[in-house]
Amino acid sequence: MYTISNGYRSLSLLVGLNWDRVLFVAVIFGALMAGAHLGTVL
């Protein structure tokens, strides 16, 4: 049980530190998808 809680704590710390990078990648991916959609419509 201790190992599971310790692993979960380190995982949440990793997500907390890298949340801005994940958001940055998601925004860029969304912008690329929007650009591809506009490119096919126009």
C-alpha atoms as a PDB file:
ATOM      1  CA  MET A   1       0.000   0.000   0.000  1.00  0.00           C
ATOM      2  CA  TYR A   2       2.865   2.360   0.776  1.00  0.00           C
ATOM      3  CA  THR A   3       4.416   1.779  -2.651  1.00  0.00           C
ATOM      4  CA  ILE A   4       1.126   2.552  -4.410  1.00  0.00           C
ATOM      5  CA  SER A   5       0.593   5.791  -2.488  1.00  0.00           C
ATOM      6  CA  ASN A   6       4.223   6.826  -2.971  1.00  0.00           C
ATOM      7  CA  GLY A   7       4.010   6.167  -6.726  1.00  0.00           C
ATOM      8  CA  TYR A   8       0.757   8.094  -6.933  1.00  0.00           C
ATOM      9  CA  ARG A   9       2.309  11.051  -5.122  1.00  0.00           C
ATOM     10  CA  SER A  10       5.293  11.138  -7.499  1.00  0.00           C
ATOM     11  CA  LEU A  11       2.941  10.819 -10.497  1.00  0.00           C
ATOM     12  CA  SER A  12       0.818  13.734  -9.297  1.00  0.00           C
ATOM     13  CA  LEU A  13       3.971  15.800  -8.747  1.00  0.00           C
ATOM     14  CA  LEU A  14       5.137  14.977 -12.283  1.00  0.00           C
ATOM     15  CA  VAL A  15       1.758  15.965 -13.718  1.00  0.00           C
ATOM     16  CA  GLY A  16       1.804  19.159 -11.657  1.00  0.00           C
ATOM     17  CA  LEU A  17       5.203  20.120 -13.018  1.00  0.00           C
ATOM     18  CA  ASN A  18       4.442  19.250 -16.635  1.00  0.00           C
ATOM     19  CA  TRP A  19       0.834  20.494 -16.810  1.00  0.00           C
ATOM     20  CA  ASP A  20       1.832  23.659 -18.694  1.00  0.00           C
ATOM     21  CA  ARG A  21       3.728  21.598 -21.276  1.00  0.00           C
ATOM     22  CA  VAL A  22       0.752  19.298 -21.804  1.00  0.00           C
ATOM     23  CA  LEU A  23      -1.515  22.319 -22.224  1.00  0.00           C
ATOM     24  CA  PHE A  24       0.959  23.890 -24.667  1.00  0.00           C
ATOM     25  CA  VAL A  25       1.038  20.746 -26.823  1.00  0.00           C
ATOM     26  CA  ALA A  26      -2.767  20.469 -26.710  1.00  0.00           C
ATOM     27  CA  VAL A  27      -3.206  24.085 -27.831  1.00  0.00           C
ATOM     28  CA  ILE A  28      -0.754  23.654 -30.708  1.00  0.00           C
ATOM     29  CA  PHE A  29      -2.461  20.421 -31.773  1.00  0.00           C
ATOM     30  CA  GLY A  30      -5.871  22.119 -31.646  1.00  0.00           C
ATOM     31  CA  ALA A  31      -4.588  25.023 -33.720  1.00  0.00           C
ATOM     32  CA  LEU A  32      -3.161  22.649 -36.327  1.00  0.00           C
ATOM     33  CA  MET A  33      -6.449  20.756 -36.518  1.00  0.00           C
ATOM     34  CA  ALA A  34      -8.403  24.024 -36.863  1.00  0.00           C
ATOM     35  CA  GLY A  35      -6.049  25.170 -39.624  1.00  0.00           C
ATOM     36  CA  ALA A  36      -6.421  21.866 -41.458  1.00  0.00           C
ATOM     37  CA  HIS A  37     -10.199  22.104 -41.180  1.00  0.00           C
ATOM     38  CA  LEU A  38     -10.221  25.654 -42.514  1.00  0.00           C
ATOM     39  CA  GLY A  39      -7.883  24.602 -45.310  1.00  0.00           C
ATOM     40  CA  THR A  40     -10.280  21.917 -46.471  1.00  0.00           C
ATOM     41  CA  VAL A  41     -13.356  24.162 -46.207  1.00  0.00           C
ATOM     42  CA  LEU A  42     -11.928  27.153 -48.064  1.00  0.00           C
END
